[in-house]
Amino acid sequence: DGLREDLVLTEYESKFVERGMNIHRLEAVIGE
């Protein structure tokens, strides 16, 4: 839905987004 400007991108991520590649993401909840 557009670049997630609330998230800091890595070098790789910036390149991949420019190429139209999908970025997969998740958050794992560990602590009690």
Full PDB file with SEQRES, HELIX, SHEET, SSBOND, CRYST1, ORIGX, SCALE, CONECT and MASTER records, all heavy atoms in Angstrom:
SEQRES   1 A   32  ASP GLY LEU ARG GLU ASP LEU VAL LEU THR GLU TYR GLU          
SEQRES   2 A   32  SER LYS PHE VAL GLU ARG GLY MET ASN ILE HIS ARG LEU          
SEQRES   3 A   32  GLU ALA VAL ILE GLY GLU                                      
HELIX    1 AA1 GLU A   11  GLU A   18  1                                   8    
CRYST1    1.000    1.000    1.000  90.00  90.00  90.00 P 1           1          
ORIGX1      1.000000  0.000000  0.000000        0.00000                         
ORIGX2      0.000000  1.000000  0.000000        0.00000                         
ORIGX3      0.000000  0.000000  1.000000        0.00000                         
SCALE1      1.000000  0.000000  0.000000        0.00000                         
SCALE2      0.000000  1.000000  0.000000        0.00000                         
SCALE3      0.000000  0.000000  1.000000        0.00000                         
ATOM      1  N   ASP A   1       0.821  -1.211   0.000  1.00  0.00           N  
ATOM      2  CA  ASP A   1       0.000   0.000   0.000  1.00  0.00           C  
ATOM      3  C   ASP A   1       0.855   1.261   0.000  1.00  0.00           C  
ATOM      4  O   ASP A   1       0.375   2.350   0.340  1.00  0.00           O  
ATOM      5  CB  ASP A   1      -0.940   0.009   1.208  1.00  0.00           C  
ATOM      6  CG  ASP A   1      -1.943  -1.124   1.168  1.00  0.00           C  
ATOM      7  OD1 ASP A   1      -2.410  -1.448   0.055  1.00  0.00           O  
ATOM      8  OD2 ASP A   1      -2.238  -1.702   2.224  1.00  0.00           O  
ATOM      9  N   GLY A   2       2.117   1.126  -0.370  1.00  0.00           N  
ATOM     10  CA  GLY A   2       3.037   2.256  -0.342  1.00  0.00           C  
ATOM     11  C   GLY A   2       4.133   2.024   0.681  1.00  0.00           C  
ATOM     12  O   GLY A   2       3.990   1.216   1.600  1.00  0.00           O  
ATOM     13  N   LEU A   3       5.208   2.721   0.504  1.00  0.00           N  
ATOM     14  CA  LEU A   3       6.366   2.539   1.369  1.00  0.00           C  
ATOM     15  C   LEU A   3       6.013   2.816   2.819  1.00  0.00           C  
ATOM     16  O   LEU A   3       5.446   3.870   3.140  1.00  0.00           O  
ATOM     17  CB  LEU A   3       7.495   3.475   0.918  1.00  0.00           C  
ATOM     18  CG  LEU A   3       8.897   3.148   1.408  1.00  0.00           C  
ATOM     19  CD1 LEU A   3       9.356   1.809   0.837  1.00  0.00           C  
ATOM     20  CD2 LEU A   3       9.870   4.250   0.998  1.00  0.00           C  
ATOM     21  N   ARG A   4       6.340   1.860   3.700  1.00  0.00           N  
ATOM     22  CA  ARG A   4       6.071   2.022   5.136  1.00  0.00           C  
ATOM     23  C   ARG A   4       7.108   2.957   5.746  1.00  0.00           C  
ATOM     24  O   ARG A   4       8.151   2.543   6.226  1.00  0.00           O  
ATOM     25  CB  ARG A   4       6.112   0.661   5.820  1.00  0.00           C  
ATOM     26  CG  ARG A   4       4.907  -0.218   5.551  1.00  0.00           C  
ATOM     27  CD  ARG A   4       3.699   0.222   6.378  1.00  0.00           C  
ATOM     28  NE  ARG A   4       3.995   0.201   7.800  1.00  0.00           N  
ATOM     29  CZ  ARG A   4       3.884  -0.892   8.579  1.00  0.00           C  
ATOM     30  NH1 ARG A   4       3.479  -2.026   8.054  1.00  0.00           N  
ATOM     31  NH2 ARG A   4       4.168  -0.831   9.861  1.00  0.00           N  
ATOM     32  N   GLU A   5       6.818   4.241   5.725  1.00  0.00           N  
ATOM     33  CA  GLU A   5       7.774   5.231   6.208  1.00  0.00           C  
ATOM     34  C   GLU A   5       7.911   5.225   7.726  1.00  0.00           C  
ATOM     35  O   GLU A   5       8.809   5.863   8.273  1.00  0.00           O  
ATOM     36  CB  GLU A   5       7.383   6.619   5.702  1.00  0.00           C  
ATOM     37  CG  GLU A   5       7.458   6.736   4.181  1.00  0.00           C  
ATOM     38  CD  GLU A   5       7.162   8.127   3.685  1.00  0.00           C  
ATOM     39  OE1 GLU A   5       6.846   8.998   4.527  1.00  0.00           O  
ATOM     40  OE2 GLU A   5       7.245   8.352   2.466  1.00  0.00           O  
ATOM     41  N   ASP A   6       7.000   4.508   8.411  1.00  0.00           N  
ATOM     42  CA  ASP A   6       7.116   4.398   9.865  1.00  0.00           C  
ATOM     43  C   ASP A   6       8.186   3.386  10.257  1.00  0.00           C  
ATOM     44  O   ASP A   6       8.585   3.324  11.424  1.00  0.00           O  
ATOM     45  CB  ASP A   6       5.781   3.983  10.485  1.00  0.00           C  
ATOM     46  CG  ASP A   6       5.264   2.655   9.927  1.00  0.00           C  
ATOM     47  OD1 ASP A   6       5.298   2.491   8.693  1.00  0.00           O  
ATOM     48  OD2 ASP A   6       4.846   1.800  10.727  1.00  0.00           O  
ATOM     49  N   LEU A   7       8.650   2.586   9.278  1.00  0.00           N  
ATOM     50  CA  LEU A   7       9.667   1.581   9.539  1.00  0.00           C  
ATOM     51  C   LEU A   7      10.994   2.001   8.918  1.00  0.00           C  
ATOM     52  O   LEU A   7      11.027   2.563   7.824  1.00  0.00           O  
ATOM     53  CB  LEU A   7       9.242   0.225   8.956  1.00  0.00           C  
ATOM     54  CG  LEU A   7       7.940  -0.369   9.481  1.00  0.00           C  
ATOM     55  CD1 LEU A   7       7.612  -1.653   8.729  1.00  0.00           C  
ATOM     56  CD2 LEU A   7       8.037  -0.647  10.980  1.00  0.00           C  
ATOM     57  N   VAL A   8      12.084   1.718   9.611  1.00  0.00           N  
ATOM     58  CA  VAL A   8      13.411   1.993   9.063  1.00  0.00           C  
ATOM     59  C   VAL A   8      13.779   0.866   8.101  1.00  0.00           C  
ATOM     60  O   VAL A   8      13.678  -0.310   8.439  1.00  0.00           O  
ATOM     61  CB  VAL A   8      14.472   2.099  10.178  1.00  0.00           C  
ATOM     62  CG1 VAL A   8      15.868   2.226   9.585  1.00  0.00           C  
ATOM     63  CG2 VAL A   8      14.163   3.307  11.080  1.00  0.00           C  
ATOM     64  N   LEU A   9      14.201   1.223   6.897  1.00  0.00           N  
ATOM     65  CA  LEU A   9      14.547   0.231   5.888  1.00  0.00           C  
ATOM     66  C   LEU A   9      16.045  -0.076   5.918  1.00  0.00           C  
ATOM     67  O   LEU A   9      16.863   0.776   6.268  1.00  0.00           O  
ATOM     68  CB  LEU A   9      14.177   0.735   4.483  1.00  0.00           C  
ATOM     69  CG  LEU A   9      12.728   0.531   4.024  1.00  0.00           C  
ATOM     70  CD1 LEU A   9      11.746   1.274   4.914  1.00  0.00           C  
ATOM     71  CD2 LEU A   9      12.573   0.978   2.581  1.00  0.00           C  
ATOM     72  N   THR A  10      16.386  -1.294   5.534  1.00  0.00           N  
ATOM     73  CA  THR A  10      17.786  -1.675   5.381  1.00  0.00           C  
ATOM     74  C   THR A  10      18.241  -1.333   3.963  1.00  0.00           C  
ATOM     75  O   THR A  10      17.432  -0.985   3.097  1.00  0.00           O  
ATOM     76  CB  THR A  10      17.988  -3.184   5.612  1.00  0.00           C  
ATOM     77  OG1 THR A  10      17.456  -3.898   4.486  1.00  0.00           O  
ATOM     78  CG2 THR A  10      17.301  -3.648   6.884  1.00  0.00           C  
ATOM     79  N   GLU A  11      19.559  -1.453   3.710  1.00  0.00           N  
ATOM     80  CA  GLU A  11      20.070  -1.231   2.354  1.00  0.00           C  
ATOM     81  C   GLU A  11      19.397  -2.170   1.356  1.00  0.00           C  
ATOM     82  O   GLU A  11      18.960  -1.749   0.282  1.00  0.00           O  
ATOM     83  CB  GLU A  11      21.593  -1.445   2.303  1.00  0.00           C  
ATOM     84  CG  GLU A  11      22.411  -0.381   2.987  1.00  0.00           C  
ATOM     85  CD  GLU A  11      22.769  -0.722   4.434  1.00  0.00           C  
ATOM     86  OE1 GLU A  11      22.166  -1.671   4.976  1.00  0.00           O  
ATOM     87  OE2 GLU A  11      23.620  -0.055   5.010  1.00  0.00           O  
ATOM     88  N   TYR A  12      19.345  -3.451   1.705  1.00  0.00           N  
ATOM     89  CA  TYR A  12      18.732  -4.437   0.826  1.00  0.00           C  
ATOM     90  C   TYR A  12      17.265  -4.119   0.573  1.00  0.00           C  
ATOM     91  O   TYR A  12      16.772  -4.204  -0.553  1.00  0.00           O  
ATOM     92  CB  TYR A  12      18.852  -5.845   1.426  1.00  0.00           C  
ATOM     93  CG  TYR A  12      20.197  -6.484   1.265  1.00  0.00           C  
ATOM     94  CD1 TYR A  12      20.918  -6.914   2.380  1.00  0.00           C  
ATOM     95  CD2 TYR A  12      20.754  -6.692   0.013  1.00  0.00           C  
ATOM     96  CE1 TYR A  12      22.157  -7.521   2.239  1.00  0.00           C  
ATOM     97  CE2 TYR A  12      21.991  -7.299  -0.139  1.00  0.00           C  
ATOM     98  CZ  TYR A  12      22.694  -7.716   0.983  1.00  0.00           C  
ATOM     99  OH  TYR A  12      23.913  -8.304   0.843  1.00  0.00           O  
ATOM    100  N   GLU A  13      16.561  -3.766   1.621  1.00  0.00           N  
ATOM    101  CA  GLU A  13      15.130  -3.526   1.496  1.00  0.00           C  
ATOM    102  C   GLU A  13      14.836  -2.395   0.524  1.00  0.00           C  
ATOM    103  O   GLU A  13      13.916  -2.497  -0.310  1.00  0.00           O  
ATOM    104  CB  GLU A  13      14.540  -3.205   2.871  1.00  0.00           C  
ATOM    105  CG  GLU A  13      13.037  -3.120   2.899  1.00  0.00           C  
ATOM    106  CD  GLU A  13      12.498  -3.009   4.309  1.00  0.00           C  
ATOM    107  OE1 GLU A  13      13.310  -2.909   5.253  1.00  0.00           O  
ATOM    108  OE2 GLU A  13      11.267  -3.021   4.469  1.00  0.00           O  
ATOM    109  N   SER A  14      15.599  -1.323   0.609  1.00  0.00           N  
ATOM    110  CA  SER A  14      15.387  -0.193  -0.296  1.00  0.00           C  
ATOM    111  C   SER A  14      15.537  -0.629  -1.751  1.00  0.00           C  
ATOM    112  O   SER A  14      14.737  -0.259  -2.617  1.00  0.00           O  
ATOM    113  CB  SER A  14      16.392   0.927   0.020  1.00  0.00           C  
ATOM    114  OG  SER A  14      16.207   1.420   1.330  1.00  0.00           O  
ATOM    115  N   LYS A  15      16.560  -1.431  -2.022  1.00  0.00           N  
ATOM    116  CA  LYS A  15      16.793  -1.916  -3.387  1.00  0.00           C  
ATOM    117  C   LYS A  15      15.659  -2.836  -3.834  1.00  0.00           C  
ATOM    118  O   LYS A  15      15.180  -2.742  -4.966  1.00  0.00           O  
ATOM    119  CB  LYS A  15      18.124  -2.653  -3.453  1.00  0.00           C  
ATOM    120  CG  LYS A  15      19.337  -1.775  -3.237  1.00  0.00           C  
ATOM    121  CD  LYS A  15      20.624  -2.599  -3.260  1.00  0.00           C  
ATOM    122  CE  LYS A  15      21.841  -1.720  -3.010  1.00  0.00           C  
ATOM    123  NZ  LYS A  15      23.097  -2.517  -2.970  1.00  0.00           N  
ATOM    124  N   PHE A  16      15.245  -3.740  -2.950  1.00  0.00           N  
ATOM    125  CA  PHE A  16      14.204  -4.699  -3.313  1.00  0.00           C  
ATOM    126  C   PHE A  16      12.878  -4.002  -3.597  1.00  0.00           C  
ATOM    127  O   PHE A  16      12.155  -4.373  -4.524  1.00  0.00           O  
ATOM    128  CB  PHE A  16      14.024  -5.727  -2.192  1.00  0.00           C  
ATOM    129  CG  PHE A  16      15.219  -6.617  -1.987  1.00  0.00           C  
ATOM    130  CD1 PHE A  16      15.475  -7.187  -0.743  1.00  0.00           C  
ATOM    131  CD2 PHE A  16      16.091  -6.886  -3.025  1.00  0.00           C  
ATOM    132  CE1 PHE A  16      16.573  -8.017  -0.557  1.00  0.00           C  
ATOM    133  CE2 PHE A  16      17.186  -7.714  -2.846  1.00  0.00           C  
ATOM    134  CZ  PHE A  16      17.424  -8.279  -1.606  1.00  0.00           C  
ATOM    135  N   VAL A  17      12.548  -2.994  -2.784  1.00  0.00           N  
ATOM    136  CA  VAL A  17      11.293  -2.266  -2.979  1.00  0.00           C  
ATOM    137  C   VAL A  17      11.313  -1.529  -4.312  1.00  0.00           C  
ATOM    138  O   VAL A  17      10.314  -1.493  -5.040  1.00  0.00           O  
ATOM    139  CB  VAL A  17      11.055  -1.285  -1.812  1.00  0.00           C  
ATOM    140  CG1 VAL A  17       9.855  -0.386  -2.113  1.00  0.00           C  
ATOM    141  CG2 VAL A  17      10.807  -2.049  -0.511  1.00  0.00           C  
ATOM    142  N   GLU A  18      12.443  -0.946  -4.654  1.00  0.00           N  
ATOM    143  CA  GLU A  18      12.580  -0.251  -5.943  1.00  0.00           C  
ATOM    144  C   GLU A  18      12.348  -1.206  -7.112  1.00  0.00           C  
ATOM    145  O   GLU A  18      11.837  -0.806  -8.158  1.00  0.00           O  
ATOM    146  CB  GLU A  18      13.963   0.381  -6.057  1.00  0.00           C  
ATOM    147  CG  GLU A  18      14.170   1.598  -5.164  1.00  0.00           C  
ATOM    148  CD  GLU A  18      15.572   2.163  -5.271  1.00  0.00           C  
ATOM    149  OE1 GLU A  18      16.369   1.617  -6.071  1.00  0.00           O  
ATOM    150  OE2 GLU A  18      15.872   3.148  -4.569  1.00  0.00           O  
ATOM    151  N   ARG A  19      12.731  -2.458  -6.935  1.00  0.00           N  
ATOM    152  CA  ARG A  19      12.557  -3.464  -7.987  1.00  0.00           C  
ATOM    153  C   ARG A  19      11.162  -4.084  -7.983  1.00  0.00           C  
ATOM    154  O   ARG A  19      10.854  -4.949  -8.794  1.00  0.00           O  
ATOM    155  CB  ARG A  19      13.598  -4.575  -7.812  1.00  0.00           C  
ATOM    156  CG  ARG A  19      15.033  -4.109  -7.954  1.00  0.00           C  
ATOM    157  CD  ARG A  19      15.987  -5.230  -7.601  1.00  0.00           C  
ATOM    158  NE  ARG A  19      17.370  -4.775  -7.554  1.00  0.00           N  
ATOM    159  CZ  ARG A  19      18.392  -5.513  -7.079  1.00  0.00           C  
ATOM    160  NH1 ARG A  19      18.146  -6.746  -6.626  1.00  0.00           N  
ATOM    161  NH2 ARG A  19      19.609  -5.031  -7.067  1.00  0.00           N  
ATOM    162  N   GLY A  20      10.318  -3.674  -7.048  1.00  0.00           N  
ATOM    163  CA  GLY A  20       8.967  -4.203  -6.972  1.00  0.00           C  
ATOM    164  C   GLY A  20       8.870  -5.564  -6.311  1.00  0.00           C  
ATOM    165  O   GLY A  20       7.860  -6.263  -6.469  1.00  0.00           O  
ATOM    166  N   MET A  21       9.894  -5.947  -5.564  1.00  0.00           N  
ATOM    167  CA  MET A  21       9.888  -7.254  -4.906  1.00  0.00           C  
ATOM    168  C   MET A  21       9.090  -7.202  -3.604  1.00  0.00           C  
ATOM    169  O   MET A  21       9.065  -6.182  -2.918  1.00  0.00           O  
ATOM    170  CB  MET A  21      11.333  -7.698  -4.627  1.00  0.00           C  
ATOM    171  CG  MET A  21      12.168  -7.873  -5.878  1.00  0.00           C  
ATOM    172  SD  MET A  21      13.936  -8.134  -5.539  1.00  0.00           S  
ATOM    173  CE  MET A  21      13.879  -9.680  -4.616  1.00  0.00           C  
ATOM    174  N   ASN A  22       8.447  -8.297  -3.275  1.00  0.00           N  
ATOM    175  CA  ASN A  22       7.685  -8.392  -2.029  1.00  0.00           C  
ATOM    176  C   ASN A  22       8.616  -8.541  -0.833  1.00  0.00           C  
ATOM    177  O   ASN A  22       9.588  -9.292  -0.881  1.00  0.00           O  
ATOM    178  CB  ASN A  22       6.735  -9.587  -2.061  1.00  0.00           C  
ATOM    179  CG  ASN A  22       5.563  -9.367  -2.998  1.00  0.00           C  
ATOM    180  OD1 ASN A  22       5.453  -8.319  -3.635  1.00  0.00           O  
ATOM    181  ND2 ASN A  22       4.687 -10.344  -3.086  1.00  0.00           N  
ATOM    182  N   ILE A  23       8.280  -7.833   0.230  1.00  0.00           N  
ATOM    183  CA  ILE A  23       8.990  -7.966   1.491  1.00  0.00           C  
ATOM    184  C   ILE A  23       8.066  -8.665   2.472  1.00  0.00           C  
ATOM    185  O   ILE A  23       6.925  -8.243   2.685  1.00  0.00           O  
ATOM    186  CB  ILE A  23       9.414  -6.593   2.064  1.00  0.00           C  
ATOM    187  CG1 ILE A  23      10.245  -5.812   1.035  1.00  0.00           C  
ATOM    188  CG2 ILE A  23      10.178  -6.775   3.370  1.00  0.00           C  
ATOM    189  CD1 ILE A  23      11.511  -6.501   0.588  1.00  0.00           C  
ATOM    190  N   HIS A  24       8.545  -9.753   3.070  1.00  0.00           N  
ATOM    191  CA  HIS A  24       7.768 -10.512   4.047  1.00  0.00           C  
ATOM    192  C   HIS A  24       8.213 -10.106   5.456  1.00  0.00           C  
ATOM    193  O   HIS A  24       9.414  -9.936   5.706  1.00  0.00           O  
ATOM    194  CB  HIS A  24       7.983 -12.008   3.847  1.00  0.00           C  
ATOM    195  CG  HIS A  24       7.902 -12.439   2.411  1.00  0.00           C  
ATOM    196  ND1 HIS A  24       6.798 -12.194   1.621  1.00  0.00           N  
ATOM    197  CD2 HIS A  24       8.790 -13.095   1.622  1.00  0.00           C  
ATOM    198  CE1 HIS A  24       6.999 -12.690   0.418  1.00  0.00           C  
ATOM    199  NE2 HIS A  24       8.205 -13.229   0.387  1.00  0.00           N  
ATOM    200  N   ARG A  25       7.261  -9.985   6.353  1.00  0.00           N  
ATOM    201  CA  ARG A  25       7.603  -9.546   7.710  1.00  0.00           C  
ATOM    202  C   ARG A  25       6.672 -10.179   8.735  1.00  0.00           C  
ATOM    203  O   ARG A  25       5.502 -10.454   8.447  1.00  0.00           O  
ATOM    204  CB  ARG A  25       7.511  -8.022   7.826  1.00  0.00           C  
ATOM    205  CG  ARG A  25       7.919  -7.452   9.192  1.00  0.00           C  
ATOM    206  CD  ARG A  25       7.835  -5.923   9.184  1.00  0.00           C  
ATOM    207  NE  ARG A  25       8.312  -5.354  10.420  1.00  0.00           N  
ATOM    208  CZ  ARG A  25       7.557  -5.148  11.511  1.00  0.00           C  
ATOM    209  NH1 ARG A  25       6.261  -5.481  11.486  1.00  0.00           N  
ATOM    210  NH2 ARG A  25       8.068  -4.624  12.610  1.00  0.00           N  
ATOM    211  N   LEU A  26       7.198 -10.395   9.930  1.00  0.00           N  
ATOM    212  CA  LEU A  26       6.392 -10.856  11.053  1.00  0.00           C  
ATOM    213  C   LEU A  26       7.035 -10.407  12.359  1.00  0.00           C  
ATOM    214  O   LEU A  26       8.204 -10.030  12.399  1.00  0.00           O  
ATOM    215  CB  LEU A  26       6.235 -12.379  11.042  1.00  0.00           C  
ATOM    216  CG  LEU A  26       7.477 -13.267  11.178  1.00  0.00           C  
ATOM    217  CD1 LEU A  26       7.974 -13.377  12.635  1.00  0.00           C  
ATOM    218  CD2 LEU A  26       7.184 -14.659  10.646  1.00  0.00           C  
ATOM    219  N   GLU A  27       6.236 -10.442  13.407  1.00  0.00           N  
ATOM    220  CA  GLU A  27       6.715 -10.189  14.761  1.00  0.00           C  
ATOM    221  C   GLU A  27       6.378 -11.395  15.622  1.00  0.00           C  
ATOM    222  O   GLU A  27       5.223 -11.846  15.634  1.00  0.00           O  
ATOM    223  CB  GLU A  27       6.057  -8.929  15.340  1.00  0.00           C  
ATOM    224  CG  GLU A  27       6.388  -7.667  14.567  1.00  0.00           C  
ATOM    225  CD  GLU A  27       5.571  -6.465  14.989  1.00  0.00           C  
ATOM    226  OE1 GLU A  27       4.798  -6.576  15.972  1.00  0.00           O  
ATOM    227  OE2 GLU A  27       5.684  -5.411  14.329  1.00  0.00           O  
ATOM    228  N   ALA A  28       7.377 -11.928  16.303  1.00  0.00           N  
ATOM    229  CA  ALA A  28       7.186 -13.070  17.193  1.00  0.00           C  
ATOM    230  C   ALA A  28       7.173 -12.582  18.637  1.00  0.00           C  
ATOM    231  O   ALA A  28       8.077 -11.857  19.057  1.00  0.00           O  
ATOM    232  CB  ALA A  28       8.303 -14.090  16.983  1.00  0.00           C  
ATOM    233  N   VAL A  29       6.147 -12.955  19.366  1.00  0.00           N  
ATOM    234  CA  VAL A  29       5.989 -12.521  20.753  1.00  0.00           C  
ATOM    235  C   VAL A  29       6.517 -13.628  21.668  1.00  0.00           C  
ATOM    236  O   VAL A  29       5.971 -14.735  21.691  1.00  0.00           O  
ATOM    237  CB  VAL A  29       4.510 -12.222  21.065  1.00  0.00           C  
ATOM    238  CG1 VAL A  29       4.377 -11.578  22.436  1.00  0.00           C  
ATOM    239  CG2 VAL A  29       3.914 -11.306  19.992  1.00  0.00           C  
ATOM    240  N   ILE A  30       7.558 -13.318  22.423  1.00  0.00           N  
ATOM    241  CA  ILE A  30       8.267 -14.345  23.195  1.00  0.00           C  
ATOM    242  C   ILE A  30       8.042 -14.231  24.708  1.00  0.00           C  
ATOM    243  O   ILE A  30       7.621 -15.181  25.360  1.00  0.00           O  
ATOM    244  CB  ILE A  30       9.783 -14.276  22.902  1.00  0.00           C  
ATOM    245  CG1 ILE A  30      10.062 -14.387  21.408  1.00  0.00           C  
ATOM    246  CG2 ILE A  30      10.513 -15.361  23.689  1.00  0.00           C  
ATOM    247  CD1 ILE A  30       9.690 -15.695  20.780  1.00  0.00           C  
ATOM    248  N   GLY A  31       8.357 -13.089  25.275  1.00  0.00           N  
ATOM    249  CA  GLY A  31       8.325 -12.916  26.729  1.00  0.00           C  
ATOM    250  C   GLY A  31       6.930 -12.952  27.324  1.00  0.00           C  
ATOM    251  O   GLY A  31       5.944 -12.607  26.657  1.00  0.00           O  
ATOM    252  N   GLU A  32       6.827 -13.337  28.578  1.00  0.00           N  
ATOM    253  CA  GLU A  32       5.525 -13.462  29.244  1.00  0.00           C  
ATOM    254  C   GLU A  32       4.790 -12.130  29.319  1.00  0.00           C  
ATOM    255  O   GLU A  32       3.579 -12.068  29.106  1.00  0.00           O  
ATOM    256  CB  GLU A  32       5.718 -14.041  30.652  1.00  0.00           C  
ATOM    257  CG  GLU A  32       6.088 -15.513  30.665  1.00  0.00           C  
ATOM    258  CD  GLU A  32       5.031 -16.373  29.986  1.00  0.00           C  
ATOM    259  OE1 GLU A  32       3.825 -16.096  30.178  1.00  0.00           O  
ATOM    260  OE2 GLU A  32       5.408 -17.310  29.263  1.00  0.00           O  
TER     261      GLU A  32                                                      
MASTER        0    0    0    1    0    0    0    6  260    1    0    3          
END                                                                             
